[in-house]
Amino acid sequence: SPEAFLARREETAALLRQKIPEKAPRLLIGSETHLCRGL
């Protein structure tokens, strides 16, 4: 479900942002969404 994916994405993104240095590349969050009928 999109809800489950978004929750997992936000959790993992927060973990990574806490660990990378300030001079790291700017991190933006998106997705690679698989096309399905009715998307």
Full PDB file with SEQRES, HELIX, SHEET, SSBOND, CRYST1, ORIGX, SCALE, CONECT and MASTER records, all heavy atoms in Angstrom:
SEQRES   1 A   39  SER PRO GLU ALA PHE LEU ALA ARG ARG GLU GLU THR ALA          
SEQRES   2 A   39  ALA LEU LEU ARG GLN LYS ILE PRO GLU LYS ALA PRO ARG          
SEQRES   3 A   39  LEU LEU ILE GLY SER GLU THR HIS LEU CYS ARG GLY LEU          
HELIX    1 AA1 PRO A    2  LYS A   19  1                                  18    
CRYST1    1.000    1.000    1.000  90.00  90.00  90.00 P 1           1          
ORIGX1      1.000000  0.000000  0.000000        0.00000                         
ORIGX2      0.000000  1.000000  0.000000        0.00000                         
ORIGX3      0.000000  0.000000  1.000000        0.00000                         
SCALE1      1.000000  0.000000  0.000000        0.00000                         
SCALE2      0.000000  1.000000  0.000000        0.00000                         
SCALE3      0.000000  0.000000  1.000000        0.00000                         
ATOM      1  N   SER A   1       0.839  -1.191   0.000  1.00  0.00           N  
ATOM      2  CA  SER A   1       0.000   0.000   0.000  1.00  0.00           C  
ATOM      3  C   SER A   1       0.878   1.247   0.000  1.00  0.00           C  
ATOM      4  O   SER A   1       2.014   1.222   0.508  1.00  0.00           O  
ATOM      5  CB  SER A   1      -0.900   0.019   1.240  1.00  0.00           C  
ATOM      6  OG  SER A   1      -0.130   0.275   2.403  1.00  0.00           O  
ATOM      7  N   PRO A   2       0.384   2.345  -0.554  1.00  0.00           N  
ATOM      8  CA  PRO A   2       1.176   3.575  -0.510  1.00  0.00           C  
ATOM      9  C   PRO A   2       1.454   4.032   0.917  1.00  0.00           C  
ATOM     10  O   PRO A   2       2.528   4.563   1.206  1.00  0.00           O  
ATOM     11  CB  PRO A   2       0.320   4.589  -1.281  1.00  0.00           C  
ATOM     12  CG  PRO A   2      -1.040   3.994  -1.336  1.00  0.00           C  
ATOM     13  CD  PRO A   2      -0.862   2.522  -1.297  1.00  0.00           C  
ATOM     14  N   GLU A   3       0.501   3.801   1.825  1.00  0.00           N  
ATOM     15  CA  GLU A   3       0.706   4.210   3.220  1.00  0.00           C  
ATOM     16  C   GLU A   3       1.888   3.474   3.837  1.00  0.00           C  
ATOM     17  O   GLU A   3       2.728   4.082   4.529  1.00  0.00           O  
ATOM     18  CB  GLU A   3      -0.561   3.957   4.035  1.00  0.00           C  
ATOM     19  CG  GLU A   3      -1.745   4.824   3.654  1.00  0.00           C  
ATOM     20  CD  GLU A   3      -2.553   4.255   2.503  1.00  0.00           C  
ATOM     21  OE1 GLU A   3      -2.169   3.210   1.935  1.00  0.00           O  
ATOM     22  OE2 GLU A   3      -3.578   4.871   2.164  1.00  0.00           O  
ATOM     23  N   ALA A   4       1.971   2.170   3.581  1.00  0.00           N  
ATOM     24  CA  ALA A   4       3.069   1.377   4.136  1.00  0.00           C  
ATOM     25  C   ALA A   4       4.402   1.802   3.527  1.00  0.00           C  
ATOM     26  O   ALA A   4       5.410   1.925   4.223  1.00  0.00           O  
ATOM     27  CB  ALA A   4       2.822  -0.102   3.891  1.00  0.00           C  
ATOM     28  N   PHE A   5       4.391   2.021   2.223  1.00  0.00           N  
ATOM     29  CA  PHE A   5       5.624   2.453   1.557  1.00  0.00           C  
ATOM     30  C   PHE A   5       6.092   3.798   2.078  1.00  0.00           C  
ATOM     31  O   PHE A   5       7.279   3.984   2.390  1.00  0.00           O  
ATOM     32  CB  PHE A   5       5.408   2.533   0.042  1.00  0.00           C  
ATOM     33  CG  PHE A   5       6.544   3.194  -0.686  1.00  0.00           C  
ATOM     34  CD1 PHE A   5       7.703   2.491  -0.978  1.00  0.00           C  
ATOM     35  CD2 PHE A   5       6.456   4.532  -1.055  1.00  0.00           C  
ATOM     36  CE1 PHE A   5       8.759   3.108  -1.636  1.00  0.00           C  
ATOM     37  CE2 PHE A   5       7.515   5.156  -1.721  1.00  0.00           C  
ATOM     38  CZ  PHE A   5       8.664   4.443  -2.012  1.00  0.00           C  
ATOM     39  N   LEU A   6       5.191   4.749   2.167  1.00  0.00           N  
ATOM     40  CA  LEU A   6       5.570   6.095   2.603  1.00  0.00           C  
ATOM     41  C   LEU A   6       6.094   6.094   4.033  1.00  0.00           C  
ATOM     42  O   LEU A   6       7.062   6.804   4.351  1.00  0.00           O  
ATOM     43  CB  LEU A   6       4.379   7.042   2.464  1.00  0.00           C  
ATOM     44  CG  LEU A   6       3.969   7.366   1.025  1.00  0.00           C  
ATOM     45  CD1 LEU A   6       2.606   8.055   0.994  1.00  0.00           C  
ATOM     46  CD2 LEU A   6       5.024   8.220   0.338  1.00  0.00           C  
ATOM     47  N   ALA A   7       5.489   5.306   4.889  1.00  0.00           N  
ATOM     48  CA  ALA A   7       5.960   5.225   6.275  1.00  0.00           C  
ATOM     49  C   ALA A   7       7.369   4.646   6.319  1.00  0.00           C  
ATOM     50  O   ALA A   7       8.246   5.154   7.046  1.00  0.00           O  
ATOM     51  CB  ALA A   7       5.007   4.370   7.101  1.00  0.00           C  
ATOM     52  N   ARG A   8       7.600   3.604   5.550  1.00  0.00           N  
ATOM     53  CA  ARG A   8       8.926   2.967   5.514  1.00  0.00           C  
ATOM     54  C   ARG A   8       9.966   3.905   4.889  1.00  0.00           C  
ATOM     55  O   ARG A   8      11.097   4.002   5.373  1.00  0.00           O  
ATOM     56  CB  ARG A   8       8.825   1.664   4.723  1.00  0.00           C  
ATOM     57  CG  ARG A   8      10.104   0.878   4.596  1.00  0.00           C  
ATOM     58  CD  ARG A   8       9.817  -0.547   4.130  1.00  0.00           C  
ATOM     59  NE  ARG A   8       8.993  -0.584   2.938  1.00  0.00           N  
ATOM     60  CZ  ARG A   8       9.455  -0.426   1.698  1.00  0.00           C  
ATOM     61  NH1 ARG A   8      10.740  -0.190   1.501  1.00  0.00           N  
ATOM     62  NH2 ARG A   8       8.645  -0.494   0.657  1.00  0.00           N  
ATOM     63  N   ARG A   9       9.556   4.602   3.859  1.00  0.00           N  
ATOM     64  CA  ARG A   9      10.468   5.548   3.220  1.00  0.00           C  
ATOM     65  C   ARG A   9      10.876   6.667   4.166  1.00  0.00           C  
ATOM     66  O   ARG A   9      12.056   7.026   4.259  1.00  0.00           O  
ATOM     67  CB  ARG A   9       9.804   6.135   1.966  1.00  0.00           C  
ATOM     68  CG  ARG A   9      10.738   7.005   1.144  1.00  0.00           C  
ATOM     69  CD  ARG A   9      10.005   7.728   0.029  1.00  0.00           C  
ATOM     70  NE  ARG A   9       9.056   8.710   0.550  1.00  0.00           N  
ATOM     71  CZ  ARG A   9       8.373   9.563  -0.223  1.00  0.00           C  
ATOM     72  NH1 ARG A   9       8.508   9.512  -1.535  1.00  0.00           N  
ATOM     73  NH2 ARG A   9       7.541  10.438   0.311  1.00  0.00           N  
ATOM     74  N   GLU A  10       9.901   7.229   4.866  1.00  0.00           N  
ATOM     75  CA  GLU A  10      10.210   8.339   5.772  1.00  0.00           C  
ATOM     76  C   GLU A  10      11.102   7.885   6.918  1.00  0.00           C  
ATOM     77  O   GLU A  10      12.009   8.603   7.344  1.00  0.00           O  
ATOM     78  CB  GLU A  10       8.918   8.955   6.298  1.00  0.00           C  
ATOM     79  CG  GLU A  10       8.045   9.589   5.237  1.00  0.00           C  
ATOM     80  CD  GLU A  10       8.815  10.545   4.338  1.00  0.00           C  
ATOM     81  OE1 GLU A  10       9.524  11.418   4.866  1.00  0.00           O  
ATOM     82  OE2 GLU A  10       8.711  10.417   3.106  1.00  0.00           O  
ATOM     83  N   GLU A  11      10.853   6.701   7.426  1.00  0.00           N  
ATOM     84  CA  GLU A  11      11.662   6.182   8.527  1.00  0.00           C  
ATOM     85  C   GLU A  11      13.111   5.980   8.099  1.00  0.00           C  
ATOM     86  O   GLU A  11      14.043   6.381   8.804  1.00  0.00           O  
ATOM     87  CB  GLU A  11      11.080   4.858   9.021  1.00  0.00           C  
ATOM     88  CG  GLU A  11      11.867   4.237  10.172  1.00  0.00           C  
ATOM     89  CD  GLU A  11      11.287   2.920  10.630  1.00  0.00           C  
ATOM     90  OE1 GLU A  11      10.245   2.499  10.088  1.00  0.00           O  
ATOM     91  OE2 GLU A  11      11.872   2.300  11.530  1.00  0.00           O  
ATOM     92  N   THR A  12      13.308   5.381   6.937  1.00  0.00           N  
ATOM     93  CA  THR A  12      14.678   5.106   6.480  1.00  0.00           C  
ATOM     94  C   THR A  12      15.387   6.397   6.065  1.00  0.00           C  
ATOM     95  O   THR A  12      16.591   6.541   6.277  1.00  0.00           O  
ATOM     96  CB  THR A  12      14.672   4.100   5.322  1.00  0.00           C  
ATOM     97  OG1 THR A  12      13.827   4.577   4.265  1.00  0.00           O  
ATOM     98  CG2 THR A  12      14.159   2.746   5.792  1.00  0.00           C  
ATOM     99  N   ALA A  13      14.646   7.337   5.492  1.00  0.00           N  
ATOM    100  CA  ALA A  13      15.251   8.615   5.121  1.00  0.00           C  
ATOM    101  C   ALA A  13      15.715   9.389   6.360  1.00  0.00           C  
ATOM    102  O   ALA A  13      16.792  10.007   6.360  1.00  0.00           O  
ATOM    103  CB  ALA A  13      14.262   9.451   4.317  1.00  0.00           C  
ATOM    104  N   ALA A  14      14.906   9.341   7.408  1.00  0.00           N  
ATOM    105  CA  ALA A  14      15.284  10.022   8.649  1.00  0.00           C  
ATOM    106  C   ALA A  14      16.546   9.414   9.238  1.00  0.00           C  
ATOM    107  O   ALA A  14      17.443  10.135   9.724  1.00  0.00           O  
ATOM    108  CB  ALA A  14      14.131   9.949   9.645  1.00  0.00           C  
ATOM    109  N   LEU A  15      16.645   8.099   9.203  1.00  0.00           N  
ATOM    110  CA  LEU A  15      17.854   7.430   9.704  1.00  0.00           C  
ATOM    111  C   LEU A  15      19.087   7.875   8.933  1.00  0.00           C  
ATOM    112  O   LEU A  15      20.143   8.160   9.520  1.00  0.00           O  
ATOM    113  CB  LEU A  15      17.690   5.911   9.595  1.00  0.00           C  
ATOM    114  CG  LEU A  15      16.739   5.238  10.574  1.00  0.00           C  
ATOM    115  CD1 LEU A  15      16.566   3.769  10.199  1.00  0.00           C  
ATOM    116  CD2 LEU A  15      17.267   5.363  12.004  1.00  0.00           C  
ATOM    117  N   LEU A  16      18.971   7.933   7.620  1.00  0.00           N  
ATOM    118  CA  LEU A  16      20.121   8.305   6.800  1.00  0.00           C  
ATOM    119  C   LEU A  16      20.500   9.760   7.012  1.00  0.00           C  
ATOM    120  O   LEU A  16      21.688  10.092   7.142  1.00  0.00           O  
ATOM    121  CB  LEU A  16      19.802   8.041   5.326  1.00  0.00           C  
ATOM    122  CG  LEU A  16      20.934   8.331   4.336  1.00  0.00           C  
ATOM    123  CD1 LEU A  16      22.190   7.547   4.685  1.00  0.00           C  
ATOM    124  CD2 LEU A  16      20.484   8.026   2.910  1.00  0.00           C  
ATOM    125  N   ARG A  17      19.522  10.633   7.077  1.00  0.00           N  
ATOM    126  CA  ARG A  17      19.813  12.058   7.251  1.00  0.00           C  
ATOM    127  C   ARG A  17      20.515  12.335   8.577  1.00  0.00           C  
ATOM    128  O   ARG A  17      21.311  13.267   8.686  1.00  0.00           O  
ATOM    129  CB  ARG A  17      18.523  12.864   7.137  1.00  0.00           C  
ATOM    130  CG  ARG A  17      18.086  13.085   5.693  1.00  0.00           C  
ATOM    131  CD  ARG A  17      16.750  13.749   5.579  1.00  0.00           C  
ATOM    132  NE  ARG A  17      16.547  14.304   4.229  1.00  0.00           N  
ATOM    133  CZ  ARG A  17      15.378  14.456   3.640  1.00  0.00           C  
ATOM    134  NH1 ARG A  17      14.270  14.090   4.277  1.00  0.00           N  
ATOM    135  NH2 ARG A  17      15.287  14.966   2.430  1.00  0.00           N  
ATOM    136  N   GLN A  18      20.235  11.524   9.580  1.00  0.00           N  
ATOM    137  CA  GLN A  18      20.888  11.702  10.875  1.00  0.00           C  
ATOM    138  C   GLN A  18      22.363  11.326  10.837  1.00  0.00           C  
ATOM    139  O   GLN A  18      23.154  11.811  11.650  1.00  0.00           O  
ATOM    140  CB  GLN A  18      20.178  10.851  11.929  1.00  0.00           C  
ATOM    141  CG  GLN A  18      18.788  11.349  12.305  1.00  0.00           C  
ATOM    142  CD  GLN A  18      18.061  10.375  13.211  1.00  0.00           C  
ATOM    143  OE1 GLN A  18      18.594   9.344  13.625  1.00  0.00           O  
ATOM    144  NE2 GLN A  18      16.805  10.680  13.518  1.00  0.00           N  
ATOM    145  N   LYS A  19      22.740  10.471   9.887  1.00  0.00           N  
ATOM    146  CA  LYS A  19      24.087   9.911   9.875  1.00  0.00           C  
ATOM    147  C   LYS A  19      25.032  10.533   8.852  1.00  0.00           C  
ATOM    148  O   LYS A  19      26.245  10.353   8.951  1.00  0.00           O  
ATOM    149  CB  LYS A  19      24.015   8.403   9.625  1.00  0.00           C  
ATOM    150  CG  LYS A  19      23.446   7.603  10.793  1.00  0.00           C  
ATOM    151  CD  LYS A  19      24.364   7.674  12.002  1.00  0.00           C  
ATOM    152  CE  LYS A  19      23.841   6.831  13.153  1.00  0.00           C  
ATOM    153  NZ  LYS A  19      24.748   6.891  14.335  1.00  0.00           N  
ATOM    154  N   ILE A  20      24.504  11.233   7.862  1.00  0.00           N  
ATOM    155  CA  ILE A  20      25.394  11.786   6.845  1.00  0.00           C  
ATOM    156  C   ILE A  20      25.898  13.161   7.292  1.00  0.00           C  
ATOM    157  O   ILE A  20      25.206  13.897   7.991  1.00  0.00           O  
ATOM    158  CB  ILE A  20      24.696  11.886   5.479  1.00  0.00           C  
ATOM    159  CG1 ILE A  20      23.419  12.730   5.558  1.00  0.00           C  
ATOM    160  CG2 ILE A  20      24.386  10.491   4.946  1.00  0.00           C  
ATOM    161  CD1 ILE A  20      22.732  12.921   4.218  1.00  0.00           C  
ATOM    162  N   PRO A  21      27.117  13.517   6.890  1.00  0.00           N  
ATOM    163  CA  PRO A  21      27.691  14.793   7.329  1.00  0.00           C  
ATOM    164  C   PRO A  21      27.014  15.990   6.678  1.00  0.00           C  
ATOM    165  O   PRO A  21      26.322  15.860   5.657  1.00  0.00           O  
ATOM    166  CB  PRO A  21      29.158  14.678   6.878  1.00  0.00           C  
ATOM    167  CG  PRO A  21      29.138  13.697   5.758  1.00  0.00           C  
ATOM    168  CD  PRO A  21      28.054  12.719   6.081  1.00  0.00           C  
ATOM    169  N   GLU A  22      27.232  17.158   7.260  1.00  0.00           N  
ATOM    170  CA  GLU A  22      26.608  18.380   6.750  1.00  0.00           C  
ATOM    171  C   GLU A  22      27.034  18.688   5.321  1.00  0.00           C  
ATOM    172  O   GLU A  22      26.272  19.251   4.545  1.00  0.00           O  
ATOM    173  CB  GLU A  22      26.961  19.567   7.659  1.00  0.00           C  
ATOM    174  CG  GLU A  22      26.284  19.529   9.018  1.00  0.00           C  
ATOM    175  CD  GLU A  22      26.575  20.782   9.834  1.00  0.00           C  
ATOM    176  OE1 GLU A  22      27.181  21.724   9.269  1.00  0.00           O  
ATOM    177  OE2 GLU A  22      26.189  20.822  11.007  1.00  0.00           O  
ATOM    178  N   LYS A  23      28.266  18.318   4.962  1.00  0.00           N  
ATOM    179  CA  LYS A  23      28.785  18.624   3.628  1.00  0.00           C  
ATOM    180  C   LYS A  23      28.419  17.562   2.601  1.00  0.00           C  
ATOM    181  O   LYS A  23      28.873  17.610   1.457  1.00  0.00           O  
ATOM    182  CB  LYS A  23      30.301  18.797   3.690  1.00  0.00           C  
ATOM    183  CG  LYS A  23      30.746  20.007   4.491  1.00  0.00           C  
ATOM    184  CD  LYS A  23      32.246  20.191   4.432  1.00  0.00           C  
ATOM    185  CE  LYS A  23      32.678  21.434   5.207  1.00  0.00           C  
ATOM    186  NZ  LYS A  23      34.154  21.641   5.155  1.00  0.00           N  
ATOM    187  N   ALA A  24      27.596  16.624   2.988  1.00  0.00           N  
ATOM    188  CA  ALA A  24      27.143  15.595   2.048  1.00  0.00           C  
ATOM    189  C   ALA A  24      26.238  16.231   1.001  1.00  0.00           C  
ATOM    190  O   ALA A  24      25.714  17.338   1.186  1.00  0.00           O  
ATOM    191  CB  ALA A  24      26.386  14.502   2.795  1.00  0.00           C  
ATOM    192  N   PRO A  25      26.018  15.551  -0.127  1.00  0.00           N  
ATOM    193  CA  PRO A  25      25.069  16.067  -1.111  1.00  0.00           C  
ATOM    194  C   PRO A  25      23.696  16.297  -0.494  1.00  0.00           C  
ATOM    195  O   PRO A  25      23.290  15.599   0.432  1.00  0.00           O  
ATOM    196  CB  PRO A  25      25.011  14.939  -2.157  1.00  0.00           C  
ATOM    197  CG  PRO A  25      26.319  14.221  -2.023  1.00  0.00           C  
ATOM    198  CD  PRO A  25      26.656  14.296  -0.563  1.00  0.00           C  
ATOM    199  N   ARG A  26      23.007  17.276  -1.011  1.00  0.00           N  
ATOM    200  CA  ARG A  26      21.639  17.518  -0.562  1.00  0.00           C  
ATOM    201  C   ARG A  26      20.790  16.303  -0.907  1.00  0.00           C  
ATOM    202  O   ARG A  26      20.814  15.821  -2.045  1.00  0.00           O  
ATOM    203  CB  ARG A  26      21.075  18.761  -1.241  1.00  0.00           C  
ATOM    204  CG  ARG A  26      19.642  19.089  -0.843  1.00  0.00           C  
ATOM    205  CD  ARG A  26      19.141  20.294  -1.614  1.00  0.00           C  
ATOM    206  NE  ARG A  26      17.738  20.562  -1.322  1.00  0.00           N  
ATOM    207  CZ  ARG A  26      17.009  21.491  -1.955  1.00  0.00           C  
ATOM    208  NH1 ARG A  26      17.575  22.240  -2.891  1.00  0.00           N  
ATOM    209  NH2 ARG A  26      15.747  21.659  -1.633  1.00  0.00           N  
ATOM    210  N   LEU A  27      20.056  15.793   0.052  1.00  0.00           N  
ATOM    211  CA  LEU A  27      19.266  14.577  -0.134  1.00  0.00           C  
ATOM    212  C   LEU A  27      17.793  14.925  -0.312  1.00  0.00           C  
ATOM    213  O   LEU A  27      17.190  15.540   0.563  1.00  0.00           O  
ATOM    214  CB  LEU A  27      19.451  13.654   1.066  1.00  0.00           C  
ATOM    215  CG  LEU A  27      18.780  12.285   1.008  1.00  0.00           C  
ATOM    216  CD1 LEU A  27      19.319  11.464  -0.154  1.00  0.00           C  
ATOM    217  CD2 LEU A  27      18.979  11.543   2.329  1.00  0.00           C  
ATOM    218  N   LEU A  28      17.239  14.541  -1.461  1.00  0.00           N  
ATOM    219  CA  LEU A  28      15.808  14.685  -1.717  1.00  0.00           C  
ATOM    220  C   LEU A  28      15.191  13.296  -1.811  1.00  0.00           C  
ATOM    221  O   LEU A  28      15.839  12.353  -2.262  1.00  0.00           O  
ATOM    222  CB  LEU A  28      15.565  15.451  -3.021  1.00  0.00           C  
ATOM    223  CG  LEU A  28      16.064  16.898  -3.077  1.00  0.00           C  
ATOM    224  CD1 LEU A  28      15.799  17.505  -4.449  1.00  0.00           C  
ATOM    225  CD2 LEU A  28      15.418  17.744  -1.987  1.00  0.00           C  
ATOM    226  N   ILE A  29      13.940  13.187  -1.390  1.00  0.00           N  
ATOM    227  CA  ILE A  29      13.285  11.886  -1.338  1.00  0.00           C  
ATOM    228  C   ILE A  29      12.193  11.814  -2.394  1.00  0.00           C  
ATOM    229  O   ILE A  29      11.368  12.709  -2.528  1.00  0.00           O  
ATOM    230  CB  ILE A  29      12.657  11.641   0.054  1.00  0.00           C  
ATOM    231  CG1 ILE A  29      13.700  11.907   1.153  1.00  0.00           C  
ATOM    232  CG2 ILE A  29      12.129  10.216   0.146  1.00  0.00           C  
ATOM    233  CD1 ILE A  29      14.944  11.073   1.060  1.00  0.00           C  
ATOM    234  N   GLY A  30      12.207  10.720  -3.147  1.00  0.00           N  
ATOM    235  CA  GLY A  30      11.173  10.475  -4.141  1.00  0.00           C  
ATOM    236  C   GLY A  30      10.830   8.996  -4.156  1.00  0.00           C  
ATOM    237  O   GLY A  30      10.771   8.344  -3.122  1.00  0.00           O  
ATOM    238  N   SER A  31      10.646   8.459  -5.341  1.00  0.00           N  
ATOM    239  CA  SER A  31      10.368   7.028  -5.487  1.00  0.00           C  
ATOM    240  C   SER A  31      10.622   6.631  -6.938  1.00  0.00           C  
ATOM    241  O   SER A  31      10.695   7.483  -7.831  1.00  0.00           O  
ATOM    242  CB  SER A  31       8.912   6.707  -5.128  1.00  0.00           C  
ATOM    243  OG  SER A  31       8.031   7.240  -6.109  1.00  0.00           O  
ATOM    244  N   GLU A  32      10.767   5.347  -7.148  1.00  0.00           N  
ATOM    245  CA  GLU A  32      10.698   4.776  -8.494  1.00  0.00           C  
ATOM    246  C   GLU A  32       9.427   3.937  -8.488  1.00  0.00           C  
ATOM    247  O   GLU A  32       9.406   2.812  -7.991  1.00  0.00           O  
ATOM    248  CB  GLU A  32      11.920   3.918  -8.808  1.00  0.00           C  
ATOM    249  CG  GLU A  32      11.886   3.340 -10.216  1.00  0.00           C  
ATOM    250  CD  GLU A  32      13.095   2.483 -10.552  1.00  0.00           C  
ATOM    251  OE1 GLU A  32      13.961   2.288  -9.667  1.00  0.00           O  
ATOM    252  OE2 GLU A  32      13.172   1.999 -11.693  1.00  0.00           O  
ATOM    253  N   THR A  33       8.372   4.542  -8.996  1.00  0.00           N  
ATOM    254  CA  THR A  33       7.052   3.929  -8.918  1.00  0.00           C  
ATOM    255  C   THR A  33       6.786   3.058 -10.144  1.00  0.00           C  
ATOM    256  O   THR A  33       6.949   3.503 -11.279  1.00  0.00           O  
ATOM    257  CB  THR A  33       5.967   5.013  -8.792  1.00  0.00           C  
ATOM    258  OG1 THR A  33       6.128   5.677  -7.538  1.00  0.00           O  
ATOM    259  CG2 THR A  33       4.574   4.412  -8.859  1.00  0.00           C  
ATOM    260  N   HIS A  34       6.391   1.834  -9.875  1.00  0.00           N  
ATOM    261  CA  HIS A  34       6.123   0.871 -10.938  1.00  0.00           C  
ATOM    262  C   HIS A  34       4.733   1.121 -11.510  1.00  0.00           C  
ATOM    263  O   HIS A  34       3.751   1.227 -10.773  1.00  0.00           O  
ATOM    264  CB  HIS A  34       6.201  -0.547 -10.360  1.00  0.00           C  
ATOM    265  CG  HIS A  34       6.271  -1.630 -11.383  1.00  0.00           C  
ATOM    266  ND1 HIS A  34       7.424  -1.920 -12.080  1.00  0.00           N  
ATOM    267  CD2 HIS A  34       5.329  -2.498 -11.830  1.00  0.00           C  
ATOM    268  CE1 HIS A  34       7.199  -2.927 -12.894  1.00  0.00           C  
ATOM    269  NE2 HIS A  34       5.931  -3.290 -12.777  1.00  0.00           N  
ATOM    270  N   LEU A  35       4.653   1.248 -12.819  1.00  0.00           N  
ATOM    271  CA  LEU A  35       3.370   1.491 -13.460  1.00  0.00           C  
ATOM    272  C   LEU A  35       2.466   0.266 -13.346  1.00  0.00           C  
ATOM    273  O   LEU A  35       2.861  -0.858 -13.664  1.00  0.00           O  
ATOM    274  CB  LEU A  35       3.588   1.812 -14.945  1.00  0.00           C  
ATOM    275  CG  LEU A  35       2.327   2.001 -15.791  1.00  0.00           C  
ATOM    276  CD1 LEU A  35       1.528   3.212 -15.316  1.00  0.00           C  
ATOM    277  CD2 LEU A  35       2.695   2.144 -17.264  1.00  0.00           C  
ATOM    278  N   CYS A  36       1.256   0.493 -12.880  1.00  0.00           N  
ATOM    279  CA  CYS A  36       0.238  -0.551 -12.865  1.00  0.00           C  
ATOM    280  C   CYS A  36      -1.073   0.071 -13.323  1.00  0.00           C  
ATOM    281  O   CYS A  36      -1.245   1.297 -13.273  1.00  0.00           O  
ATOM    282  CB  CYS A  36       0.090  -1.165 -11.472  1.00  0.00           C  
ATOM    283  SG  CYS A  36      -0.553  -0.024 -10.231  1.00  0.00           S  
ATOM    284  N   ARG A  37      -1.992  -0.737 -13.766  1.00  0.00           N  
ATOM    285  CA  ARG A  37      -3.280  -0.228 -14.221  1.00  0.00           C  
ATOM    286  C   ARG A  37      -4.022   0.439 -13.063  1.00  0.00           C  
ATOM    287  O   ARG A  37      -4.094  -0.107 -11.974  1.00  0.00           O  
ATOM    288  CB  ARG A  37      -4.115  -1.361 -14.820  1.00  0.00           C  
ATOM    289  CG  ARG A  37      -3.539  -1.922 -16.112  1.00  0.00           C  
ATOM    290  CD  ARG A  37      -4.346  -3.103 -16.607  1.00  0.00           C  
ATOM    291  NE  ARG A  37      -3.772  -3.691 -17.808  1.00  0.00           N  
ATOM    292  CZ  ARG A  37      -2.780  -4.591 -17.815  1.00  0.00           C  
ATOM    293  NH1 ARG A  37      -2.264  -5.000 -16.662  1.00  0.00           N  
ATOM    294  NH2 ARG A  37      -2.304  -5.069 -18.945  1.00  0.00           N  
ATOM    295  N   GLY A  38      -4.556   1.613 -13.327  1.00  0.00           N  
ATOM    296  CA  GLY A  38      -5.296   2.336 -12.303  1.00  0.00           C  
ATOM    297  C   GLY A  38      -4.426   3.158 -11.367  1.00  0.00           C  
ATOM    298  O   GLY A  38      -4.936   3.728 -10.397  1.00  0.00           O  
ATOM    299  N   LEU A  39      -3.138   3.235 -11.632  1.00  0.00           N  
ATOM    300  CA  LEU A  39      -2.241   3.996 -10.756  1.00  0.00           C  
ATOM    301  C   LEU A  39      -2.723   5.429 -10.590  1.00  0.00           C  
ATOM    302  O   LEU A  39      -2.580   6.019  -9.507  1.00  0.00           O  
ATOM    303  CB  LEU A  39      -0.821   3.969 -11.326  1.00  0.00           C  
ATOM    304  CG  LEU A  39       0.256   4.737 -10.555  1.00  0.00           C  
ATOM    305  CD1 LEU A  39       0.497   4.103  -9.181  1.00  0.00           C  
ATOM    306  CD2 LEU A  39       1.563   4.803 -11.347  1.00  0.00           C  
TER     307      LEU A  39                                                      
MASTER        0    0    0    1    0    0    0    6  306    1    0    3          
END                                                                             
